[in-house]
N, C-alpha and C. Protein backbone atom coordinates (compact mmCIF):
# COMPACT_ATOMS: atom_id res chain seq x y z
N MET A 1 11.95 -11.85 14.74
CA MET A 1 11.49 -10.52 15.81
C MET A 1 10.44 -9.86 14.86
N ALA A 2 9.47 -9.67 16.17
CA ALA A 2 8.00 -9.21 15.42
C ALA A 2 8.59 -8.02 14.49
N PHE A 3 7.74 -7.50 13.81
CA PHE A 3 7.80 -6.22 13.37
C PHE A 3 6.10 -5.40 13.03
N TYR A 4 6.01 -4.40 12.90
CA TYR A 4 4.59 -3.74 13.29
C TYR A 4 4.81 -2.55 11.94
N ILE A 5 3.34 -2.75 11.53
CA ILE A 5 3.07 -1.97 10.34
C ILE A 5 1.62 -1.44 10.41
N THR A 6 2.03 0.05 10.70
CA THR A 6 1.48 0.77 10.41
C THR A 6 0.71 1.35 9.37
N GLU A 7 -0.27 1.57 9.10
CA GLU A 7 -1.08 2.40 7.97
C GLU A 7 -2.06 3.59 8.31
N PHE A 8 -1.80 4.66 7.36
CA PHE A 8 -2.81 5.79 7.67
C PHE A 8 -2.63 6.34 6.22
N LYS A 9 -3.44 7.17 6.34
CA LYS A 9 -4.18 7.96 5.16
C LYS A 9 -4.19 9.13 5.03
N VAL A 10 -3.37 10.25 3.96
CA VAL A 10 -3.11 11.25 3.99
C VAL A 10 -4.41 11.75 2.76
N ARG A 11 -4.29 13.28 3.35
CA ARG A 11 -4.97 14.23 1.62
C ARG A 11 -4.43 15.75 1.96
N GLY A 12 -4.69 15.86 1.08
CA GLY A 12 -4.11 17.39 0.47
C GLY A 12 -4.11 18.31 -0.39
N PHE A 13 -3.33 19.52 -0.31
CA PHE A 13 -4.06 20.01 -1.84
C PHE A 13 -2.80 20.51 -2.19
N GLY A 14 -2.10 20.07 -3.63
CA GLY A 14 -1.12 20.90 -4.33
C GLY A 14 -0.49 19.51 -4.41
N SER A 15 0.96 19.97 -4.15
CA SER A 15 1.86 18.76 -4.84
C SER A 15 2.13 18.27 -3.64
N PHE A 16 2.59 17.04 -3.55
CA PHE A 16 2.59 15.40 -2.47
C PHE A 16 3.46 16.18 -1.84
N PRO A 17 4.08 16.36 -0.48
CA PRO A 17 5.55 16.66 -0.30
C PRO A 17 5.84 15.07 0.09
N LEU A 18 6.80 15.07 -0.83
CA LEU A 18 7.41 13.75 -1.16
C LEU A 18 8.40 14.00 -0.05
N ASP A 19 9.17 14.93 1.02
CA ASP A 19 10.23 14.37 1.95
C ASP A 19 9.44 14.23 2.74
N MET A 20 7.95 13.97 3.07
CA MET A 20 7.45 13.50 4.53
C MET A 20 7.47 11.98 4.19
N LEU A 21 7.62 11.43 3.11
CA LEU A 21 8.42 10.25 3.15
C LEU A 21 9.46 9.93 3.67
N ARG A 22 10.20 10.16 3.51
CA ARG A 22 11.75 10.25 4.06
C ARG A 22 11.60 10.48 5.34
N TYR A 23 10.81 11.59 6.24
CA TYR A 23 10.87 11.97 7.36
C TYR A 23 9.88 10.61 7.84
N ASP A 24 9.08 10.60 7.52
CA ASP A 24 8.37 9.55 8.11
C ASP A 24 8.09 7.76 7.94
N SER A 25 9.47 8.01 7.13
CA SER A 25 10.04 6.34 6.74
C SER A 25 8.60 6.09 6.24
N CYS A 26 7.82 6.04 5.42
CA CYS A 26 6.85 5.58 5.07
C CYS A 26 6.53 5.36 3.27
N PHE A 27 6.00 4.45 2.94
CA PHE A 27 5.67 4.33 1.60
C PHE A 27 4.44 4.20 1.02
N PRO A 28 3.93 3.89 -0.23
CA PRO A 28 2.47 3.69 -0.82
C PRO A 28 2.47 2.74 -0.38
N GLN A 29 0.87 2.47 -0.32
CA GLN A 29 0.33 0.70 0.03
C GLN A 29 0.77 0.46 -1.01
N ASN A 30 0.47 0.63 -2.58
CA ASN A 30 0.17 -0.36 -3.54
C ASN A 30 0.39 0.80 -4.90
N SER A 31 0.63 0.46 -6.01
CA SER A 31 0.66 1.33 -7.23
C SER A 31 -0.04 2.24 -7.24
N ASN A 32 -1.11 2.09 -6.68
CA ASN A 32 -2.42 3.12 -7.16
C ASN A 32 -2.00 3.89 -6.22
N ASP A 33 -1.34 4.19 -5.42
CA ASP A 33 -0.93 5.14 -3.68
C ASP A 33 0.07 5.83 -4.85
N ALA A 34 0.95 4.91 -5.07
CA ALA A 34 1.76 5.73 -5.70
C ALA A 34 1.74 6.39 -6.73
N PHE A 35 0.70 6.19 -7.69
CA PHE A 35 0.32 6.74 -9.01
C PHE A 35 -0.09 8.27 -8.10
N ARG A 36 -1.22 8.08 -7.53
CA ARG A 36 -1.70 9.45 -7.09
C ARG A 36 -0.96 10.15 -6.62
N ILE A 37 0.47 9.95 -5.84
CA ILE A 37 1.80 10.71 -5.08
C ILE A 37 2.25 11.48 -6.50
N GLY A 38 2.03 11.38 -7.92
CA GLY A 38 2.72 12.17 -8.37
C GLY A 38 1.76 12.67 -10.10
N ASP A 39 0.00 12.70 -9.03
CA ASP A 39 -0.69 13.51 -10.06
C ASP A 39 -1.24 14.44 -8.72
N PRO A 40 -0.78 15.64 -9.92
CA PRO A 40 -0.74 17.20 -8.94
C PRO A 40 -2.66 17.68 -8.74
N ASP A 41 -3.01 16.90 -9.36
CA ASP A 41 -4.68 17.01 -9.45
C ASP A 41 -5.88 16.03 -8.14
N ASN A 42 -4.53 14.94 -8.07
CA ASN A 42 -5.87 14.37 -7.20
C ASN A 42 -6.25 14.72 -5.52
N LYS A 43 -7.63 14.25 -5.86
CA LYS A 43 -7.89 14.57 -4.71
C LYS A 43 -8.66 13.79 -3.42
N GLU A 44 -7.66 12.24 -3.89
CA GLU A 44 -8.48 11.28 -3.19
C GLU A 44 -6.95 10.90 -1.94
N GLU A 45 -7.33 10.15 -1.01
CA GLU A 45 -7.20 9.90 -0.14
C GLU A 45 -5.54 8.67 -0.40
N ILE A 46 -4.23 9.09 0.14
CA ILE A 46 -3.14 8.22 -0.22
C ILE A 46 -3.09 7.81 1.02
N THR A 47 -2.96 6.09 1.03
CA THR A 47 -2.63 5.17 1.83
C THR A 47 -1.10 5.09 2.46
N LEU A 48 -0.51 5.71 2.79
CA LEU A 48 0.94 4.83 3.48
C LEU A 48 0.75 3.95 4.32
N VAL A 49 2.43 3.22 4.35
CA VAL A 49 2.67 2.58 5.77
C VAL A 49 3.83 2.32 5.65
N HIS A 50 4.03 2.28 7.19
CA HIS A 50 5.46 2.23 7.68
C HIS A 50 5.95 1.07 8.62
N TYR A 51 7.01 0.43 8.52
CA TYR A 51 7.48 -0.61 9.30
C TYR A 51 8.12 -0.05 10.17
N TRP A 52 8.19 -1.21 11.65
CA TRP A 52 8.71 -0.73 12.59
C TRP A 52 8.96 -1.48 13.68
N GLY A 53 10.35 -1.92 14.11
CA GLY A 53 10.44 -2.85 14.94
C GLY A 53 9.41 -2.70 16.54
N HIS A 54 8.86 -1.79 16.60
CA HIS A 54 8.48 -1.64 18.41
C HIS A 54 6.59 -1.31 17.92
N ARG A 55 6.19 -1.09 18.56
CA ARG A 55 5.05 -0.83 18.73
C ARG A 55 4.79 0.99 18.71
N GLY A 56 3.19 0.98 18.75
CA GLY A 56 3.34 2.53 19.35
C GLY A 56 3.79 4.05 18.10
N TRP A 57 4.33 3.70 17.10
CA TRP A 57 4.74 4.53 16.22
C TRP A 57 3.28 4.69 15.46
N ARG A 58 3.77 6.54 15.26
CA ARG A 58 2.67 7.62 15.00
C ARG A 58 2.94 8.55 13.74
N PRO A 59 2.24 8.52 12.69
CA PRO A 59 2.89 9.50 11.68
C PRO A 59 2.58 11.20 12.57
N THR A 60 3.33 12.13 11.97
CA THR A 60 4.03 13.47 12.07
C THR A 60 2.86 14.21 12.25
N PHE A 61 1.51 13.86 12.63
CA PHE A 61 0.43 14.45 12.36
C PHE A 61 0.29 16.39 11.96
N ASP A 62 1.70 17.44 13.03
CA ASP A 62 1.87 18.18 12.53
C ASP A 62 2.97 18.92 11.36
N ARG A 63 2.97 17.84 11.47
CA ARG A 63 4.41 18.30 10.16
C ARG A 63 4.12 18.06 8.54
N TRP A 64 2.48 17.36 8.56
CA TRP A 64 1.76 16.97 7.54
C TRP A 64 1.30 18.22 7.14
N LYS A 65 0.50 18.52 8.30
CA LYS A 65 -0.54 19.56 8.12
C LYS A 65 0.21 21.35 7.83
N SER A 66 1.69 21.18 8.33
CA SER A 66 2.47 22.42 8.14
C SER A 66 2.57 22.20 5.92
N PHE A 67 2.62 21.79 5.71
CA PHE A 67 2.40 20.64 3.99
C PHE A 67 1.20 21.10 3.17
N LEU A 68 -0.01 21.38 3.89
CA LEU A 68 -1.27 21.56 3.49
C LEU A 68 -1.56 20.02 3.33
N TRP A 69 -1.66 19.24 4.08
CA TRP A 69 -1.34 17.95 3.83
C TRP A 69 -2.09 17.36 5.59
N SER A 70 -2.92 16.22 5.65
CA SER A 70 -3.53 16.12 6.73
C SER A 70 -3.29 14.69 6.70
N VAL A 71 -3.61 14.12 7.73
CA VAL A 71 -3.74 12.69 8.21
C VAL A 71 -4.74 12.83 9.23
N ASP A 72 -5.63 11.69 8.33
CA ASP A 72 -6.75 11.30 8.82
C ASP A 72 -6.61 10.45 10.17
N PRO A 73 -7.22 10.55 11.47
CA PRO A 73 -6.69 10.52 12.67
C PRO A 73 -7.17 9.24 13.00
N ASN A 74 -8.45 9.33 12.38
CA ASN A 74 -9.56 7.67 12.78
C ASN A 74 -8.45 6.52 11.56
N SER A 75 -7.48 6.96 10.72
CA SER A 75 -7.49 5.73 9.43
C SER A 75 -6.00 5.22 9.90
N VAL A 76 -5.52 5.82 11.33
CA VAL A 76 -4.10 5.15 11.81
C VAL A 76 -4.55 3.54 12.23
N TYR A 77 -4.00 2.43 11.71
CA TYR A 77 -4.11 1.55 12.08
C TYR A 77 -2.83 0.76 12.22
N GLU A 78 -2.55 0.03 13.40
CA GLU A 78 -1.32 -0.71 13.51
C GLU A 78 -1.64 -2.23 13.96
N ARG A 79 -0.54 -3.24 13.25
CA ARG A 79 -0.36 -4.51 13.77
C ARG A 79 0.33 -5.16 13.09
N ARG A 80 0.38 -6.66 14.24
CA ARG A 80 1.88 -7.23 14.04
C ARG A 80 1.82 -8.02 12.85
N THR A 81 3.11 -8.12 12.61
CA THR A 81 3.73 -8.96 11.41
C THR A 81 4.18 -10.28 12.02
C-alpha cells in the first residue's frame, strides 16, 4: 500500500499549539524542529510531517490561524512513498 507524506512549515507567536499536532495528525520533521516547539522564544519556522494513505491531505490553515500560527501555503509538499 502506498503512503503519502505531506510536509509543511508553520510559524507563529507565543507557545506552540501542541493540540494541533493531534488535530492535524502530524509531528516534527526532525529533532531540531521538535526542540523548537518547546522553545517559547523560537522565531524560526517549524517543519511538520503528516503520513496518510490517500493523496490530497492539507493542514487546517484556519485552525492554525486561530492559535496565532500560520501555515506557509508555499511550503506544503506532498510525495508518495
